[in-house]
Amino acid sequence: MPSQLPLDMLIDLAKESTDEAARLLGRLNAERGNAERQLGMLHDYRQDYLERLQQAMTNGMSASDCHNYQRFIGTLDDAIGQQQTVLRQADENLAKGRQYWQQEKRKLNSYDALAQRELRAQAVVESRREQRANDEYSARLVQRQAGMH
């Protein structure tokens, strides 16, 4: 089996890197989606609790119950703030992952372009060699025919 050309090895490595970057990008996208869903659930839960508080206040409630509701809503606000930080970090990680994937893809495309250029150059050399061989054959044929007459 012929040894692999250095460019072929680089292309294989770049394909592996690009595939790994794509898998990482998928994981980062999933993490970002999870963070966004959790933030949405916290917002929904907070809204639900505010509606419960309003309903309880309309029906009449003790000051301690009102304080407990407000304290719990404050806790939810803290959790929402933390989850917003998680979401921002997930957005940053996703942007970095996308940049990394694009960088690896550009590298792969560059190697592919070099390989295509090399194939075209080899095809030109082969075509010229064949043309030379045909020319030599034709010249010998003409010489033989000229020698026969």
N, C-alpha and C. Protein backbone atom coordinates (compact mmCIF):
# COMPACT_ATOMS: atom_id res chain seq x y z
N MET A 1 0.85 -1.18 0.00
CA MET A 1 0.00 0.00 0.00
C MET A 1 0.89 1.23 0.00
N PRO A 2 0.65 2.18 -0.90
CA PRO A 2 1.52 3.36 -0.97
C PRO A 2 1.37 4.22 0.28
N SER A 3 2.47 4.86 0.65
CA SER A 3 2.41 5.73 1.83
C SER A 3 1.57 6.95 1.50
N GLN A 4 0.92 7.46 2.52
CA GLN A 4 0.02 8.59 2.32
C GLN A 4 0.83 9.88 2.17
N LEU A 5 0.41 10.70 1.26
CA LEU A 5 1.08 11.98 1.06
C LEU A 5 0.86 12.88 2.27
N PRO A 6 1.81 13.76 2.59
CA PRO A 6 1.63 14.65 3.74
C PRO A 6 0.35 15.48 3.66
N LEU A 7 0.00 15.93 2.47
CA LEU A 7 -1.22 16.72 2.32
C LEU A 7 -2.46 15.88 2.64
N ASP A 8 -2.45 14.61 2.22
CA ASP A 8 -3.57 13.72 2.55
C ASP A 8 -3.69 13.54 4.06
N MET A 9 -2.55 13.41 4.71
CA MET A 9 -2.57 13.26 6.17
C MET A 9 -3.13 14.53 6.83
N LEU A 10 -2.71 15.69 6.32
CA LEU A 10 -3.22 16.95 6.86
C LEU A 10 -4.73 17.07 6.65
N ILE A 11 -5.19 16.64 5.48
CA ILE A 11 -6.63 16.69 5.20
C ILE A 11 -7.38 15.77 6.16
N ASP A 12 -6.86 14.57 6.38
CA ASP A 12 -7.51 13.64 7.32
C ASP A 12 -7.57 14.24 8.72
N LEU A 13 -6.46 14.82 9.16
CA LEU A 13 -6.43 15.44 10.49
C LEU A 13 -7.40 16.62 10.57
N ALA A 14 -7.45 17.40 9.50
CA ALA A 14 -8.36 18.55 9.48
C ALA A 14 -9.82 18.10 9.49
N LYS A 15 -10.10 16.99 8.80
CA LYS A 15 -11.48 16.45 8.82
C LYS A 15 -11.85 16.02 10.23
N GLU A 16 -10.93 15.33 10.90
CA GLU A 16 -11.19 14.90 12.28
C GLU A 16 -11.41 16.11 13.18
N SER A 17 -10.56 17.13 13.02
CA SER A 17 -10.70 18.35 13.83
C SER A 17 -12.03 19.04 13.55
N THR A 18 -12.40 19.12 12.29
CA THR A 18 -13.65 19.77 11.93
C THR A 18 -14.84 18.99 12.49
N ASP A 19 -14.77 17.67 12.40
CA ASP A 19 -15.85 16.84 12.96
C ASP A 19 -15.96 17.02 14.47
N GLU A 20 -14.81 17.05 15.15
CA GLU A 20 -14.81 17.24 16.60
C GLU A 20 -15.36 18.62 16.95
N ALA A 21 -14.98 19.63 16.19
CA ALA A 21 -15.49 20.98 16.42
C ALA A 21 -17.00 21.03 16.21
N ALA A 22 -17.49 20.28 15.23
CA ALA A 22 -18.94 20.23 14.97
C ALA A 22 -19.67 19.54 16.13
N ARG A 23 -19.06 18.46 16.65
CA ARG A 23 -19.68 17.78 17.80
C ARG A 23 -19.71 18.71 19.02
N LEU A 24 -18.61 19.42 19.24
CA LEU A 24 -18.56 20.38 20.34
C LEU A 24 -19.61 21.46 20.16
N LEU A 25 -19.74 21.96 18.95
CA LEU A 25 -20.74 22.98 18.66
C LEU A 25 -22.15 22.46 18.96
N GLY A 26 -22.41 21.22 18.63
CA GLY A 26 -23.71 20.61 18.94
C GLY A 26 -23.96 20.56 20.44
N ARG A 27 -22.93 20.15 21.19
CA ARG A 27 -23.08 20.09 22.66
C ARG A 27 -23.31 21.49 23.23
N LEU A 28 -22.54 22.47 22.75
CA LEU A 28 -22.70 23.83 23.25
C LEU A 28 -24.07 24.40 22.90
N ASN A 29 -24.56 24.06 21.74
CA ASN A 29 -25.90 24.51 21.33
C ASN A 29 -26.97 23.88 22.23
N ALA A 30 -26.79 22.61 22.56
CA ALA A 30 -27.74 21.94 23.45
C ALA A 30 -27.69 22.56 24.85
N GLU A 31 -26.49 22.84 25.34
CA GLU A 31 -26.35 23.47 26.66
C GLU A 31 -27.03 24.83 26.69
N ARG A 32 -26.85 25.58 25.60
CA ARG A 32 -27.47 26.89 25.53
C ARG A 32 -29.00 26.77 25.52
N GLY A 33 -29.50 25.80 24.77
CA GLY A 33 -30.94 25.56 24.73
C GLY A 33 -31.50 25.18 26.10
N ASN A 34 -30.75 24.34 26.82
CA ASN A 34 -31.18 23.95 28.17
C ASN A 34 -31.20 25.15 29.10
N ALA A 35 -30.17 25.98 29.02
CA ALA A 35 -30.11 27.17 29.88
C ALA A 35 -31.28 28.11 29.58
N GLU A 36 -31.60 28.25 28.30
CA GLU A 36 -32.71 29.12 27.92
C GLU A 36 -34.05 28.55 28.41
N ARG A 37 -34.22 27.24 28.29
CA ARG A 37 -35.46 26.61 28.78
C ARG A 37 -35.61 26.77 30.29
N GLN A 38 -34.51 26.58 31.01
CA GLN A 38 -34.57 26.72 32.46
C GLN A 38 -34.91 28.15 32.86
N LEU A 39 -34.34 29.11 32.14
CA LEU A 39 -34.66 30.51 32.42
C LEU A 39 -36.14 30.76 32.14
N GLY A 40 -36.65 30.23 31.06
CA GLY A 40 -38.07 30.38 30.75
C GLY A 40 -38.95 29.77 31.83
N MET A 41 -38.55 28.60 32.32
CA MET A 41 -39.34 27.95 33.39
C MET A 41 -39.33 28.79 34.66
N LEU A 42 -38.17 29.37 34.99
CA LEU A 42 -38.10 30.24 36.17
C LEU A 42 -38.99 31.47 36.00
N HIS A 43 -38.98 32.07 34.81
CA HIS A 43 -39.86 33.23 34.55
C HIS A 43 -41.33 32.82 34.67
N ASP A 44 -41.67 31.66 34.11
CA ASP A 44 -43.05 31.19 34.20
C ASP A 44 -43.46 30.93 35.64
N TYR A 45 -42.55 30.31 36.39
CA TYR A 45 -42.83 30.00 37.79
C TYR A 45 -43.02 31.29 38.59
N ARG A 46 -42.16 32.28 38.32
CA ARG A 46 -42.28 33.57 39.01
C ARG A 46 -43.61 34.22 38.68
N GLN A 47 -43.97 34.21 37.39
CA GLN A 47 -45.24 34.82 36.98
C GLN A 47 -46.42 34.11 37.66
N ASP A 48 -46.36 32.79 37.73
CA ASP A 48 -47.39 32.01 38.40
C ASP A 48 -47.50 32.40 39.88
N TYR A 49 -46.35 32.56 40.51
CA TYR A 49 -46.35 32.92 41.92
C TYR A 49 -46.88 34.33 42.14
N LEU A 50 -46.57 35.26 41.22
CA LEU A 50 -47.12 36.61 41.33
C LEU A 50 -48.64 36.59 41.20
N GLU A 51 -49.14 35.76 40.28
CA GLU A 51 -50.60 35.65 40.11
C GLU A 51 -51.23 35.06 41.37
N ARG A 52 -50.56 34.07 41.97
CA ARG A 52 -51.07 33.49 43.23
C ARG A 52 -51.09 34.54 44.33
N LEU A 53 -50.03 35.36 44.39
CA LEU A 53 -49.96 36.41 45.40
C LEU A 53 -51.10 37.40 45.20
N GLN A 54 -51.33 37.82 43.95
CA GLN A 54 -52.43 38.75 43.68
C GLN A 54 -53.76 38.15 44.09
N GLN A 55 -53.96 36.88 43.75
CA GLN A 55 -55.22 36.21 44.10
C GLN A 55 -55.39 36.14 45.62
N ALA A 56 -54.30 35.78 46.29
CA ALA A 56 -54.35 35.67 47.76
C ALA A 56 -54.61 37.03 48.39
N MET A 57 -54.02 38.08 47.81
CA MET A 57 -54.23 39.43 48.36
C MET A 57 -55.67 39.88 48.16
N THR A 58 -56.27 39.51 47.02
CA THR A 58 -57.66 39.87 46.76
C THR A 58 -58.59 39.15 47.73
N ASN A 59 -58.23 37.93 48.08
CA ASN A 59 -59.06 37.15 48.99
C ASN A 59 -58.75 37.47 50.45
N GLY A 60 -57.70 38.21 50.66
CA GLY A 60 -57.29 38.56 52.02
C GLY A 60 -56.27 37.57 52.54
N MET A 61 -55.17 38.10 53.10
CA MET A 61 -54.12 37.22 53.61
C MET A 61 -53.40 37.93 54.74
N SER A 62 -52.72 37.13 55.53
CA SER A 62 -51.99 37.69 56.66
C SER A 62 -50.71 38.36 56.17
N ALA A 63 -50.18 39.24 57.00
CA ALA A 63 -48.95 39.95 56.66
C ALA A 63 -47.79 38.97 56.53
N SER A 64 -47.77 37.95 57.38
CA SER A 64 -46.67 36.97 57.32
C SER A 64 -46.73 36.16 56.02
N ASP A 65 -47.94 35.80 55.58
CA ASP A 65 -48.08 35.08 54.30
C ASP A 65 -47.63 35.97 53.15
N CYS A 66 -47.99 37.25 53.19
CA CYS A 66 -47.59 38.19 52.15
C CYS A 66 -46.06 38.30 52.13
N HIS A 67 -45.47 38.38 53.32
CA HIS A 67 -44.01 38.47 53.42
C HIS A 67 -43.36 37.20 52.86
N ASN A 68 -43.93 36.03 53.17
CA ASN A 68 -43.38 34.76 52.66
C ASN A 68 -43.44 34.72 51.11
N TYR A 69 -44.56 35.16 50.56
CA TYR A 69 -44.68 35.21 49.09
C TYR A 69 -43.59 36.12 48.50
N GLN A 70 -43.47 37.31 49.09
CA GLN A 70 -42.50 38.28 48.57
C GLN A 70 -41.06 37.76 48.71
N ARG A 71 -40.79 37.09 49.83
CA ARG A 71 -39.45 36.54 50.02
C ARG A 71 -39.17 35.44 48.98
N PHE A 72 -40.17 34.61 48.74
CA PHE A 72 -39.99 33.53 47.76
C PHE A 72 -39.81 34.12 46.35
N ILE A 73 -40.56 35.16 46.02
CA ILE A 73 -40.41 35.82 44.72
C ILE A 73 -39.02 36.43 44.62
N GLY A 74 -38.51 36.97 45.71
CA GLY A 74 -37.14 37.48 45.73
C GLY A 74 -36.13 36.38 45.46
N THR A 75 -36.38 35.21 46.04
CA THR A 75 -35.51 34.06 45.81
C THR A 75 -35.56 33.66 44.33
N LEU A 76 -36.77 33.68 43.75
CA LEU A 76 -36.91 33.37 42.33
C LEU A 76 -36.16 34.41 41.48
N ASP A 77 -36.24 35.68 41.89
CA ASP A 77 -35.52 36.73 41.16
C ASP A 77 -34.01 36.47 41.19
N ASP A 78 -33.51 36.04 42.33
CA ASP A 78 -32.08 35.70 42.44
C ASP A 78 -31.74 34.55 41.50
N ALA A 79 -32.59 33.52 41.51
CA ALA A 79 -32.36 32.36 40.64
C ALA A 79 -32.42 32.77 39.17
N ILE A 80 -33.34 33.67 38.84
CA ILE A 80 -33.44 34.17 37.46
C ILE A 80 -32.17 34.91 37.08
N GLY A 81 -31.66 35.74 37.99
CA GLY A 81 -30.41 36.46 37.73
C GLY A 81 -29.25 35.50 37.49
N GLN A 82 -29.17 34.46 38.31
CA GLN A 82 -28.11 33.46 38.14
C GLN A 82 -28.27 32.72 36.82
N GLN A 83 -29.51 32.39 36.47
CA GLN A 83 -29.74 31.66 35.22
C GLN A 83 -29.46 32.55 34.02
N GLN A 84 -29.72 33.85 34.15
CA GLN A 84 -29.37 34.76 33.06
C GLN A 84 -27.86 34.79 32.85
N THR A 85 -27.11 34.70 33.94
CA THR A 85 -25.64 34.64 33.85
C THR A 85 -25.23 33.34 33.16
N VAL A 86 -25.88 32.24 33.53
CA VAL A 86 -25.59 30.94 32.89
C VAL A 86 -25.89 31.03 31.40
N LEU A 87 -27.00 31.65 31.04
CA LEU A 87 -27.38 31.78 29.62
C LEU A 87 -26.37 32.66 28.87
N ARG A 88 -25.95 33.77 29.48
CA ARG A 88 -24.94 34.62 28.83
C ARG A 88 -23.65 33.85 28.60
N GLN A 89 -23.24 33.06 29.59
CA GLN A 89 -22.02 32.26 29.45
C GLN A 89 -22.19 31.21 28.35
N ALA A 90 -23.38 30.61 28.30
CA ALA A 90 -23.65 29.62 27.25
C ALA A 90 -23.62 30.29 25.87
N ASP A 91 -24.13 31.52 25.78
CA ASP A 91 -24.07 32.26 24.50
C ASP A 91 -22.63 32.52 24.10
N GLU A 92 -21.81 32.92 25.07
CA GLU A 92 -20.39 33.18 24.78
C GLU A 92 -19.69 31.89 24.35
N ASN A 93 -19.95 30.81 25.07
CA ASN A 93 -19.33 29.52 24.72
C ASN A 93 -19.76 29.07 23.32
N LEU A 94 -21.03 29.26 23.01
CA LEU A 94 -21.54 28.88 21.70
C LEU A 94 -20.88 29.72 20.60
N ALA A 95 -20.72 31.02 20.85
CA ALA A 95 -20.06 31.88 19.86
C ALA A 95 -18.61 31.44 19.65
N LYS A 96 -17.92 31.11 20.74
CA LYS A 96 -16.53 30.64 20.63
C LYS A 96 -16.49 29.30 19.90
N GLY A 97 -17.42 28.42 20.21
CA GLY A 97 -17.49 27.13 19.54
C GLY A 97 -17.76 27.28 18.05
N ARG A 98 -18.62 28.21 17.70
CA ARG A 98 -18.93 28.46 16.29
C ARG A 98 -17.69 29.00 15.58
N GLN A 99 -16.95 29.91 16.24
CA GLN A 99 -15.71 30.45 15.67
C GLN A 99 -14.69 29.34 15.46
N TYR A 100 -14.56 28.47 16.45
CA TYR A 100 -13.60 27.36 16.37
C TYR A 100 -13.97 26.44 15.20
N TRP A 101 -15.26 26.10 15.08
CA TRP A 101 -15.69 25.24 13.98
C TRP A 101 -15.39 25.90 12.63
N GLN A 102 -15.69 27.21 12.53
CA GLN A 102 -15.44 27.92 11.27
C GLN A 102 -13.95 27.93 10.94
N GLN A 103 -13.12 28.10 11.96
CA GLN A 103 -11.67 28.10 11.75
C GLN A 103 -11.22 26.74 11.23
N GLU A 104 -11.72 25.67 11.85
CA GLU A 104 -11.34 24.32 11.43
C GLU A 104 -11.87 24.02 10.03
N LYS A 105 -13.06 24.49 9.71
CA LYS A 105 -13.65 24.29 8.39
C LYS A 105 -12.83 25.04 7.33
N ARG A 106 -12.41 26.26 7.66
CA ARG A 106 -11.57 27.02 6.70
C ARG A 106 -10.25 26.29 6.46
N LYS A 107 -9.68 25.74 7.51
CA LYS A 107 -8.42 25.01 7.37
C LYS A 107 -8.62 23.80 6.46
N LEU A 108 -9.69 23.06 6.69
CA LEU A 108 -10.00 21.90 5.85
C LEU A 108 -10.21 22.33 4.40
N ASN A 109 -10.96 23.40 4.19
CA ASN A 109 -11.19 23.89 2.83
C ASN A 109 -9.89 24.30 2.15
N SER A 110 -8.99 24.89 2.92
CA SER A 110 -7.69 25.29 2.36
C SER A 110 -6.90 24.07 1.91
N TYR A 111 -6.87 23.05 2.76
CA TYR A 111 -6.15 21.83 2.40
C TYR A 111 -6.79 21.16 1.18
N ASP A 112 -8.12 21.16 1.16
CA ASP A 112 -8.82 20.58 -0.01
C ASP A 112 -8.48 21.35 -1.28
N ALA A 113 -8.42 22.67 -1.17
CA ALA A 113 -8.08 23.50 -2.34
C ALA A 113 -6.66 23.18 -2.81
N LEU A 114 -5.73 23.02 -1.85
CA LEU A 114 -4.36 22.66 -2.23
C LEU A 114 -4.32 21.30 -2.91
N ALA A 115 -5.09 20.35 -2.38
CA ALA A 115 -5.13 19.01 -2.97
C ALA A 115 -5.69 19.07 -4.39
N GLN A 116 -6.75 19.84 -4.59
CA GLN A 116 -7.33 19.98 -5.93
C GLN A 116 -6.34 20.62 -6.89
N ARG A 117 -5.63 21.63 -6.40
CA ARG A 117 -4.62 22.29 -7.23
C ARG A 117 -3.52 21.29 -7.62
N GLU A 118 -3.12 20.47 -6.65
CA GLU A 118 -2.08 19.46 -6.91
C GLU A 118 -2.58 18.44 -7.94
N LEU A 119 -3.84 18.00 -7.80
CA LEU A 119 -4.40 17.06 -8.78
C LEU A 119 -4.44 17.67 -10.18
N ARG A 120 -4.82 18.94 -10.27
CA ARG A 120 -4.85 19.60 -11.59
C ARG A 120 -3.44 19.70 -12.16
N ALA A 121 -2.46 20.02 -11.31
CA ALA A 121 -1.08 20.12 -11.78
C ALA A 121 -0.58 18.75 -12.25
N GLN A 122 -0.93 17.70 -11.53
CA GLN A 122 -0.53 16.35 -11.94
C GLN A 122 -1.19 15.97 -13.26
N ALA A 123 -2.45 16.38 -13.42
CA ALA A 123 -3.17 16.07 -14.67
C ALA A 123 -2.50 16.78 -15.85
N VAL A 124 -2.05 18.02 -15.64
CA VAL A 124 -1.37 18.75 -16.70
C VAL A 124 -0.06 18.06 -17.05
N VAL A 125 0.71 17.66 -16.03
CA VAL A 125 1.98 16.96 -16.28
C VAL A 125 1.73 15.66 -17.03
N GLU A 126 0.72 14.91 -16.61
CA GLU A 126 0.38 13.65 -17.27
C GLU A 126 -0.05 13.88 -18.72
N SER A 127 -0.84 14.92 -18.93
CA SER A 127 -1.30 15.24 -20.27
C SER A 127 -0.12 15.60 -21.17
N ARG A 128 0.79 16.39 -20.62
CA ARG A 128 1.98 16.76 -21.40
C ARG A 128 2.83 15.53 -21.71
N ARG A 129 2.99 14.64 -20.75
CA ARG A 129 3.77 13.42 -20.96
C ARG A 129 3.13 12.58 -22.05
N GLU A 130 1.81 12.43 -21.97
CA GLU A 130 1.11 11.66 -23.01
C GLU A 130 1.25 12.32 -24.37
N GLN A 131 1.17 13.65 -24.40
CA GLN A 131 1.31 14.37 -25.67
C GLN A 131 2.72 14.16 -26.24
N ARG A 132 3.73 14.23 -25.36
CA ARG A 132 5.10 14.00 -25.81
C ARG A 132 5.27 12.60 -26.36
N ALA A 133 4.71 11.62 -25.65
CA ALA A 133 4.80 10.23 -26.10
C ALA A 133 4.12 10.07 -27.45
N ASN A 134 2.95 10.69 -27.61
CA ASN A 134 2.23 10.62 -28.90
C ASN A 134 3.03 11.31 -30.01
N ASP A 135 3.62 12.44 -29.67
CA ASP A 135 4.43 13.16 -30.66
C ASP A 135 5.63 12.32 -31.09
N GLU A 136 6.29 11.69 -30.10
CA GLU A 136 7.45 10.85 -30.43
C GLU A 136 7.03 9.65 -31.28
N TYR A 137 5.91 9.06 -30.93
CA TYR A 137 5.40 7.92 -31.70
C TYR A 137 5.10 8.35 -33.13
N SER A 138 4.42 9.51 -33.25
CA SER A 138 4.08 10.02 -34.59
C SER A 138 5.35 10.32 -35.39
N ALA A 139 6.36 10.90 -34.73
CA ALA A 139 7.61 11.22 -35.42
C ALA A 139 8.31 9.96 -35.89
N ARG A 140 8.34 8.92 -35.06
CA ARG A 140 8.95 7.65 -35.46
C ARG A 140 8.19 7.01 -36.61
N LEU A 141 6.88 7.11 -36.54
CA LEU A 141 6.05 6.54 -37.59
C LEU A 141 6.33 7.26 -38.92
N VAL A 142 6.42 8.58 -38.87
CA VAL A 142 6.71 9.36 -40.08
C VAL A 142 8.11 9.00 -40.59
N GLN A 143 9.09 8.83 -39.69
CA GLN A 143 10.45 8.46 -40.10
C GLN A 143 10.45 7.10 -40.77
N ARG A 144 9.75 6.15 -40.21
CA ARG A 144 9.68 4.81 -40.80
C ARG A 144 9.04 4.85 -42.19
N GLN A 145 7.96 5.61 -42.29
CA GLN A 145 7.29 5.72 -43.57
C GLN A 145 8.19 6.42 -44.58
N ALA A 146 8.94 7.40 -44.13
CA ALA A 146 9.84 8.12 -45.04
C ALA A 146 11.00 7.21 -45.45
N GLY A 147 11.46 6.35 -44.54
CA GLY A 147 12.53 5.42 -44.85
C GLY A 147 12.08 4.32 -45.79
N MET A 148 10.83 3.99 -45.88
CA MET A 148 10.31 2.95 -46.74
C MET A 148 10.20 3.45 -48.16
N HIS A 149 10.09 4.71 -48.38
CA HIS A 149 9.93 5.23 -49.75
C HIS A 149 11.20 5.59 -50.37
